[in-house]
Amino acid sequence: MEKGWTLSNVYLFFGLKQLLAGKFPWNHIILCKNLTLTLLVIRSYYSSEITLKRLSNQKGGTSMSKRLLISTIILTLFSFSLLTACGTDNQSSSQPSQGNEAAGNEQQEGMKPEVGAELLVWESKGPDFDYMKAVAQDFEKEYGIKVKVEPVPAIDAVKKLTTDGPAGLGADVFSSPHDQLGNAVMAGLVLQNDVYTDSEKNDFMSSAIDGVSYDGVLYGFPTAIDTYALFYNKKLMGKAPKTYEEIIKFAETYNDPESKKYGFMWDVGQLYLSYSFLGGYGGYVFGNHGTDVNDIGLNNEKSIEGAEFLQSFKKVLPLNINDLNDNIITGFFQEGKTAAIINGPWFASSLANTKIDYGVAPLPLLPNGEHPVSFSGIRGLYVNSYTKYPVAAKLFASYATSKQNLTKRFEMTTQLPPRKDLMDDPILTKDPNTMAFLEQAKYSTPMPSIPEMGNVWVPASAALSSIWNDNQDPGTVLNKAVSQIKTAIKTTK
């Protein structure tokens, strides 16, 4: 045997020999773009089947060197073919892929699903489920890929996937609210969305793209967006107020506490709604698009200014937070006692059996001339990192969030589509209330999806109670709340 012929090279040689003879067991190798990894796989496969004794029986060291040279050239050419032929693994992965934009553009132009692919999709029962089944049928007709849709509540999907994913029982594609994304990414349960081009991302509202992204990386395929806006009684107010100053002036003349009549109400103690005042002045929860836990902005100067304006409403809404819960506010509006409230699209169903002539408008402008920044929730589709068919799964998720299919989804579910290119669609524009929510959604920011957000709600709610009920200094109260949030985050790490 010549010097330089290591055992590893022997395995490589015989591996190539089998490969060229068409006898290599492809089901035992994962094609990839990494040449070194490809070599290692071929070598290691034959390490248990080839021995030095078999090599020693061969003669002709010079001949062996020539064969090695030829094999090396063939392997180099073969590796180059791999670079262009294997954009996506066909095997399951327990970690999110690290796809790049180039791969995404290539897939979008002509994605090639895995041969024999079959998909399982999880979606909540109800209109969402009906929509998903309809899309699955259309997808199967167009691509010949069977898609089974199972009813799994979107809010439970990530938790279920934690056990079902590694066991090979999880859905290839599942629906989930964006505030579950942080946990999903940290657990390695979802693949990146490397399908959307920059142009396609721009078709969606920025808040929708931000919502299904984590730490600057896009994972989800947005299907719906929800936020809150101003419901107003047309009989009492006539037209929607443009500014909060108009609301305050209206309430000063309309209010009649003895008759339980108030010009304006909202659930003050709920950060989800009251955040719009802080955010409209430039406050925020976590920096860097809601991902930097070391940058908490709830007590910065701008947040404090927003909290001070919020506190000023106490003069036209002289009720404690306990008397401003959702049930009380809903009842007052249904009875025609309250002229305007803050609530979301879901509130409309509470008015279906009433005679209230109501309208919906974007939240009124703040005294600083800015739009209130409401929290938004983003519904999206995600691809399971354990899927055996990542290309087919991503193709389905992209297909389900196309302009045409999200139009169909709105018709079937009435949930707001997060695509900017649907803002002028007659199906949406014919309903002014829908357009009002979509207009407000443009000024919304997704609730932070990192797990640490769970440490924010209780201290923030307590702070709002102190500011409103006890008329305490907003700056002092918010400083205390942020201190509590930081302590809670450290404790739970």
Foldseek 3Di string as FASTA:
>chain_A
DDPPCDLLLVLLLVLLVCVVVVNHPCVQDWQDLDLVVVSVSSSVVCSVPDDVVVVVVDDDPPVVVVSSVVSVVVSVVVSVVSNPPDLDTLAFDLAADPDDLVSQQVCQVPNDWDPPAEFEEEEADDLGQVLLVVLQVVCCVVPVHHYHYDHDYQCCQLVVCLPCLVVVNHGQKYKHKLLQQQVCNVRRWFYFLSNDHPVRCQQFQPQQQLSCAALPTHFWQFQFKKWKFKKFFCVQPVDDDQAVVVQLVSLVPQDDVVVPAAAEAELLLFCLALQLLLVQQPFDAAPPQQHHLVRGRCQDPSNLVSLVVVQVCCVSVVDANVCRDPVNVLVCVLVVRYGMYMDIPVSVVSNPPGPGDMATAGHHAYPVRTGRAGAMMTMTMTGTSRDSINSVSSVSRNSCLDPVNSLVSCVSPVGHGRGPVCLPPPVQVVRRRSNRRNVNVSRYHYHRSHPLVVLQGPLSSVLSNCCHVVVDRSNVSSVVSSVSSVVVVVVVD
